[in-house]
């Protein structure tokens, strides 16, 4: 997406430059001032703004909403007639009528929110995320799990201040007393988190991680 936007911006600038050069080429030499680069730059900038203002906003293509984790293919009550005809044509025994599937919400879903201290500017976004998800999907079968240090809970911050039911996954981060320990602090943090997960057995392999 960024590469496409950059390419469109370059193409727009090139179009503006060509339009200005064509305008200058149509003038006589007496009309052109020597080394009038400032006026040319202003003309190009005005042309770019004109092209950007006239361009309609590009609509984002529809994308599936987290199909692999929050979604699940489910059978409807409508019989899949083409599939049934294909089975009968092959002479296969039909032990169960095929139904037309559709993409719906999974029966169970887990979302992990990492309330790490370096992610402090995004804690409010995490609060908003699980609020929107509860309204969008509903609470039935939805488990919202939060990772945070004990100091975070003691201060009443992070998931402790989140509006809604967040289940805490507590773990103790290793203090960084040396530069070597500081480099491995994040690794140790995930090691302790993994031990906590294995101990609680509350996190499935299909969980969705927001960090």
Protein backbone atom coordinates (compact mmCIF):
# COMPACT_ATOMS: atom_id res chain seq x y z
CA UNK A 1 0.00 0.00 0.00
CA UNK A 2 2.82 2.42 0.84
CA UNK A 3 4.68 1.53 -2.34
CA UNK A 4 1.54 2.16 -4.39
CA UNK A 5 0.97 5.54 -2.75
CA UNK A 6 4.60 6.50 -3.32
CA UNK A 7 4.38 5.44 -6.96
CA UNK A 8 1.19 7.47 -7.47
CA UNK A 9 2.82 10.51 -5.88
CA UNK A 10 5.84 10.20 -8.18
CA UNK A 11 3.60 9.83 -11.24
CA UNK A 12 1.64 12.91 -10.18
CA UNK A 13 4.81 14.95 -9.79
CA UNK A 14 6.07 13.80 -13.19
CA UNK A 15 2.76 14.76 -14.80
CA UNK A 16 2.96 18.19 -13.21
CA UNK A 17 6.53 18.64 -14.40
CA UNK A 18 5.64 17.65 -17.96
CA UNK A 19 2.69 20.06 -17.95
CA UNK A 20 4.93 22.90 -16.82
CA UNK A 21 7.60 22.06 -19.40
CA UNK A 22 4.97 21.98 -22.14
CA UNK A 23 3.72 25.38 -21.01
CA UNK A 24 7.26 26.79 -21.06
CA UNK A 25 7.96 25.27 -24.47
CA UNK A 26 4.92 27.03 -25.91
CA UNK A 27 6.34 30.43 -24.96
CA UNK A 28 8.80 32.44 -26.97
CA UNK A 29 12.38 32.91 -25.71
CA UNK A 30 11.67 36.57 -24.95
CA UNK A 31 8.93 35.55 -22.54
CA UNK A 32 11.21 33.25 -20.54
CA UNK A 33 13.34 34.74 -17.82
CA UNK A 34 16.87 33.46 -17.32
CA UNK A 35 17.12 30.69 -14.69
CA UNK A 36 13.61 31.29 -13.38
CA UNK A 37 13.65 28.13 -11.24
CA UNK A 38 11.69 29.66 -8.35
CA UNK A 39 8.70 30.40 -10.57
CA UNK A 40 8.94 26.91 -12.09
CA UNK A 41 8.99 25.33 -8.62
CA UNK A 42 5.91 27.29 -7.59
CA UNK A 43 4.11 26.31 -10.77
CA UNK A 44 4.91 22.62 -10.21
CA UNK A 45 3.75 22.79 -6.59
CA UNK A 46 0.48 24.44 -7.63
CA UNK A 47 -0.05 21.79 -10.31
CA UNK A 48 0.57 18.98 -7.81
CA UNK A 49 -1.97 20.45 -5.39
CA UNK A 50 -4.46 20.75 -8.22
CA UNK A 51 -4.00 17.11 -9.21
CA UNK A 52 -4.29 15.91 -5.62
CA UNK A 53 -7.43 17.96 -5.03
CA UNK A 54 -9.10 16.70 -8.20
CA UNK A 55 -8.29 13.04 -7.53
CA UNK A 56 -11.15 11.17 -5.89
CA UNK A 57 -10.24 9.28 -2.70
CA UNK A 58 -9.37 5.67 -3.38
CA UNK A 59 -11.68 3.20 -1.70
CA UNK A 60 -9.96 0.44 0.19
CA UNK A 61 -10.67 -3.03 -1.16
CA UNK A 62 -12.85 -5.20 1.09
CA UNK A 63 -10.73 -7.53 3.19
CA UNK A 64 -11.76 -10.41 5.46
CA UNK A 65 -11.84 -9.51 9.14
CA UNK A 66 -9.29 -11.83 10.77
CA UNK A 67 -10.75 -14.96 9.19
CA UNK A 68 -8.14 -17.38 10.45
CA UNK A 69 -8.70 -16.70 14.15
CA UNK A 70 -11.97 -14.93 14.77
CA UNK A 71 -13.85 -16.55 11.89
CA UNK A 72 -14.95 -20.07 11.07
CA UNK A 73 -16.65 -21.75 8.15
CA UNK A 74 -20.02 -23.03 9.32
CA UNK A 75 -22.77 -24.98 7.61
CA UNK A 76 -26.09 -23.30 6.96
CA UNK A 77 -29.49 -24.97 6.72
CA UNK A 78 -29.42 -24.77 2.89
CA UNK A 79 -28.48 -28.00 1.13
CA UNK A 80 -25.55 -27.72 -1.28
CA UNK A 81 -27.30 -29.12 -4.35
CA UNK A 82 -24.29 -28.97 -6.75
CA UNK A 83 -22.16 -30.83 -4.22
CA UNK A 84 -24.90 -33.44 -3.70
CA UNK A 85 -25.30 -33.98 -7.45
CA UNK A 86 -21.53 -34.36 -7.81
CA UNK A 87 -21.42 -37.04 -5.10
CA UNK A 88 -24.29 -38.97 -6.66
CA UNK A 89 -22.73 -38.72 -10.13
CA UNK A 90 -19.52 -40.27 -8.77
CA UNK A 91 -21.48 -43.11 -7.21
CA UNK A 92 -20.37 -42.24 -3.70
CA UNK A 93 -22.49 -43.10 -0.69
CA UNK A 94 -24.11 -40.03 0.83
CA UNK A 95 -24.05 -40.55 4.60
CA UNK A 96 -24.63 -36.89 5.36
CA UNK A 97 -26.28 -34.22 3.28
CA UNK A 98 -23.83 -31.48 2.27
CA UNK A 99 -24.87 -28.03 3.38
CA UNK A 100 -23.81 -24.68 1.98
CA UNK A 101 -21.05 -23.22 4.18
CA UNK A 102 -20.62 -19.58 5.09
CA UNK A 103 -17.98 -17.57 6.91
CA UNK A 104 -19.14 -16.69 10.41
CA UNK A 105 -17.79 -16.07 13.86
CA UNK A 106 -15.84 -18.87 15.50
CA UNK A 107 -17.50 -20.51 18.50
CA UNK A 108 -14.53 -19.56 20.68
CA UNK A 109 -11.90 -16.86 20.22
CA UNK A 110 -8.99 -15.68 22.32
CA UNK A 111 -7.28 -12.31 22.05
CA UNK A 112 -3.99 -11.63 23.85
CA UNK A 113 -3.15 -8.02 24.71
CA UNK A 114 0.44 -7.25 25.67
CA UNK A 115 0.49 -4.33 28.11
CA UNK A 116 4.24 -3.87 28.01
CA UNK A 117 5.70 -0.65 29.36
CA UNK A 118 7.29 0.33 25.99
CA UNK A 119 3.78 0.12 24.50
CA UNK A 120 2.34 2.63 26.98
CA UNK A 121 1.23 5.09 24.23
CA UNK A 122 -0.95 2.32 22.77
CA UNK A 123 -2.67 1.18 25.96
CA UNK A 124 -5.71 3.34 25.24
CA UNK A 125 -5.90 1.75 21.78
CA UNK A 126 -5.94 -1.68 23.43
CA UNK A 127 -8.79 -0.56 25.69
CA UNK A 128 -10.71 0.62 22.64
CA UNK A 129 -9.90 -2.60 20.76
CA UNK A 130 -11.41 -5.01 23.24
CA UNK A 131 -14.42 -2.75 23.77
CA UNK A 132 -15.13 -2.67 20.04
CA UNK A 133 -14.53 -6.40 19.75
CA UNK A 134 -17.02 -7.16 22.52
CA UNK A 135 -19.67 -5.05 20.79
CA UNK A 136 -18.90 -6.48 17.36
CA UNK A 137 -18.64 -10.16 18.21
CA UNK A 138 -20.34 -10.49 21.57
CA UNK A 139 -19.09 -12.02 24.81
CA UNK A 140 -20.21 -15.57 24.07
CA UNK A 141 -17.06 -17.67 23.64
CA UNK A 142 -14.76 -14.62 23.67
CA UNK A 143 -11.74 -14.64 25.99
CA UNK A 144 -9.68 -11.47 26.35
CA UNK A 145 -6.35 -12.17 28.04
CA UNK A 146 -3.90 -9.48 29.13
CA UNK A 147 -0.18 -9.70 29.78
CA UNK A 148 1.23 -7.22 32.24
CA UNK A 149 3.74 -7.06 35.06
CA UNK A 150 2.73 -7.17 38.71
CA UNK A 151 3.88 -3.55 39.09
CA UNK A 152 1.38 -2.57 36.42
CA UNK A 153 -1.46 -4.23 38.33
CA UNK A 154 -0.25 -2.77 41.63
CA UNK A 155 -0.42 0.73 40.15
CA UNK A 156 -3.93 0.13 38.84
CA UNK A 157 -2.79 0.80 35.28
CA UNK A 158 -2.92 -1.10 32.01
CA UNK A 159 -5.43 -3.96 32.05
CA UNK A 160 -6.36 -3.10 35.65
CA UNK A 161 -7.84 0.16 34.37
CA UNK A 162 -9.39 -1.33 31.25
CA UNK A 163 -13.19 -1.09 30.99
CA UNK A 164 -14.40 -4.64 30.58
CA UNK A 165 -13.55 -8.15 31.68
CA UNK A 166 -9.88 -8.81 31.00
CA UNK A 167 -8.39 -12.00 32.40
CA UNK A 168 -4.87 -11.31 33.68
CA UNK A 169 -1.88 -13.44 32.73
CA UNK A 170 0.64 -12.24 35.28
CA UNK A 171 4.35 -12.79 34.91
CA UNK A 172 7.42 -11.34 36.54
CA UNK A 173 9.83 -9.49 34.29
CA UNK A 174 13.52 -10.00 34.96
CA UNK A 175 15.33 -6.83 36.15
CA UNK A 176 18.11 -5.64 33.85
CA UNK A 177 21.15 -5.07 36.07
CA UNK A 178 23.77 -5.18 33.29
CA UNK A 179 23.82 -4.17 29.60
CA UNK A 180 23.87 -7.85 28.68
CA UNK A 181 20.81 -8.42 30.84
CA UNK A 182 19.12 -5.41 29.25
CA UNK A 183 19.56 -6.97 25.81
CA UNK A 184 18.10 -10.26 26.99
CA UNK A 185 15.33 -8.73 29.08
CA UNK A 186 12.73 -9.04 26.35
CA UNK A 187 13.70 -12.67 25.74
CA UNK A 188 13.45 -13.45 29.45
CA UNK A 189 10.13 -11.66 29.54
CA UNK A 190 8.68 -13.94 26.89
CA UNK A 191 10.19 -16.99 28.62
CA UNK A 192 8.37 -16.13 31.83
CA UNK A 193 5.19 -15.42 29.88
CA UNK A 194 5.43 -18.80 28.19
CA UNK A 195 5.84 -20.52 31.55
CA UNK A 196 2.80 -18.68 32.83
CA UNK A 197 0.79 -19.76 29.81
CA UNK A 198 1.85 -23.39 30.15
CA UNK A 199 1.00 -23.29 33.84
CA UNK A 200 -2.46 -21.84 33.34
CA UNK A 201 -3.32 -23.79 30.19
CA UNK A 202 -5.73 -21.04 29.26
CA UNK A 203 -4.24 -19.99 25.95
CA UNK A 204 -4.95 -21.99 22.82
CA UNK A 205 -2.79 -22.19 19.73
CA UNK A 206 -5.38 -20.25 17.76
CA UNK A 207 -5.06 -17.14 19.90
CA UNK A 208 -4.65 -13.75 18.27
CA UNK A 209 -1.82 -11.60 19.62
CA UNK A 210 -1.84 -7.79 19.74
CA UNK A 211 1.53 -6.44 20.81
